[in-house]
Amino acid sequence: MSKIRCQYCNKKTDMPAMYYSMTPINEKIEKRINELGRDKWFEDVDWDNPTDELDQISLYDQLLNTIGKVVVCKKCLDKDSKLWQKYYPQQCEEI
């Protein structure tokens, strides 16, 4: 089996394709979401005139919540798992 590349870090891996988030958790954006209010960052926004920051957070949120068939190496899976537990502990408990 030839090695393919992790879609999160682009390093070669033997991991199979799986259904997973289309982007890894980005700690910088997650911290900003916490500052803005995790459950209300999208409220009271002028969607007709979004800021660059709002565009970035909205795109990130959409990618994070979109599941697709991707290849992710073990190192990235482990890192992402720890960040999921840090920023989305209630969802980790439900699974």
Protein backbone atom coordinates (compact mmCIF):
# COMPACT_ATOMS: atom_id res chain seq x y z
CA MET A 1 0.00 0.00 0.00
CA SER A 2 1.51 3.30 -1.04
CA LYS A 3 1.53 6.08 1.48
CA ILE A 4 -0.91 8.89 1.04
CA ARG A 5 -0.84 12.30 2.65
CA CYS A 6 -2.68 13.52 5.72
CA GLN A 7 -5.15 16.21 4.72
CA TYR A 8 -4.44 18.16 7.93
CA CYS A 9 -0.59 18.29 7.95
CA ASN A 10 0.33 16.90 4.49
CA LYS A 11 2.73 14.28 5.93
CA LYS A 12 2.73 10.75 4.55
CA THR A 13 0.59 8.22 6.41
CA ASP A 14 -0.70 4.67 6.23
CA MET A 15 -4.02 5.62 7.83
CA PRO A 16 -7.13 4.76 5.83
CA ALA A 17 -9.69 7.30 4.70
CA MET A 18 -12.44 7.91 7.27
CA TYR A 19 -15.38 10.22 7.81
CA TYR A 20 -14.11 13.16 9.82
CA SER A 21 -14.28 16.95 10.04
CA MET A 22 -13.05 18.74 6.91
CA THR A 23 -10.67 20.89 9.00
CA PRO A 24 -8.75 20.37 12.22
CA ILE A 25 -9.59 22.43 15.27
CA ASN A 26 -7.77 25.75 15.10
CA GLU A 27 -6.90 26.85 18.62
CA LYS A 28 -6.42 30.52 17.64
CA ILE A 29 -9.94 30.71 16.18
CA GLU A 30 -11.42 28.73 19.07
CA LYS A 31 -9.92 31.20 21.54
CA ARG A 32 -11.43 34.08 19.56
CA ILE A 33 -14.83 32.36 19.54
CA ASN A 34 -14.57 32.05 23.34
CA GLU A 35 -13.77 35.78 23.59
CA LEU A 36 -16.79 36.66 21.44
CA GLY A 37 -19.06 34.20 23.25
CA ARG A 38 -19.20 30.58 22.12
CA ASP A 39 -22.99 30.47 21.76
CA LYS A 40 -23.51 34.01 20.50
CA TRP A 41 -20.58 35.06 18.29
CA PHE A 42 -22.93 35.00 15.28
CA GLU A 43 -25.68 37.12 16.86
CA ASP A 44 -26.09 40.84 16.21
CA VAL A 45 -23.92 40.61 13.10
CA ASP A 46 -24.47 42.77 10.05
CA TRP A 47 -24.47 39.89 7.58
CA ASP A 48 -24.78 42.36 4.68
CA ASN A 49 -21.41 43.84 5.62
CA PRO A 50 -19.33 41.11 7.30
CA THR A 51 -15.81 41.77 8.54
CA ASP A 52 -12.81 39.70 7.46
CA GLU A 53 -12.76 38.15 10.92
CA LEU A 54 -16.40 37.13 10.66
CA ASP A 55 -15.75 35.62 7.23
CA GLN A 56 -12.85 33.61 8.67
CA ILE A 57 -14.81 32.36 11.69
CA SER A 58 -17.87 31.52 9.59
CA LEU A 59 -15.82 29.54 7.06
CA TYR A 60 -13.98 27.74 9.85
CA ASP A 61 -17.26 26.90 11.61
CA GLN A 62 -18.74 25.52 8.39
CA LEU A 63 -15.67 23.37 7.65
CA LEU A 64 -15.46 22.11 11.22
CA ASN A 65 -19.11 21.03 11.12
CA THR A 66 -18.87 19.41 7.69
CA ILE A 67 -18.02 15.72 7.73
CA GLY A 68 -16.40 14.13 4.71
CA LYS A 69 -14.14 11.29 3.73
CA VAL A 70 -10.60 12.38 4.57
CA VAL A 71 -7.21 10.89 5.42
CA VAL A 72 -5.82 12.08 8.76
CA CYS A 73 -2.61 10.78 10.33
CA LYS A 74 -2.48 9.43 13.88
CA LYS A 75 -0.57 12.45 15.20
CA CYS A 76 -3.22 14.85 13.85
CA LEU A 77 -6.05 12.63 15.13
CA ASP A 78 -4.53 12.64 18.63
CA LYS A 79 -4.00 16.42 18.58
CA ASP A 80 -7.52 17.05 17.27
CA SER A 81 -9.02 14.71 19.86
CA LYS A 82 -7.38 16.66 22.70
CA LEU A 83 -8.62 19.96 21.26
CA TRP A 84 -12.16 18.58 20.84
CA GLN A 85 -12.13 17.64 24.53
CA LYS A 86 -10.86 21.11 25.42
CA TYR A 87 -13.32 23.17 23.34
CA TYR A 88 -16.30 20.82 22.93
CA PRO A 89 -16.36 18.64 26.09
CA GLN A 90 -20.16 18.31 26.11
CA GLN A 91 -20.11 16.80 22.60
CA CYS A 92 -17.36 14.35 23.58
CA GLU A 93 -19.49 13.12 26.49
CA GLU A 94 -22.49 12.51 24.20
CA ILE A 95 -20.57 10.18 21.90
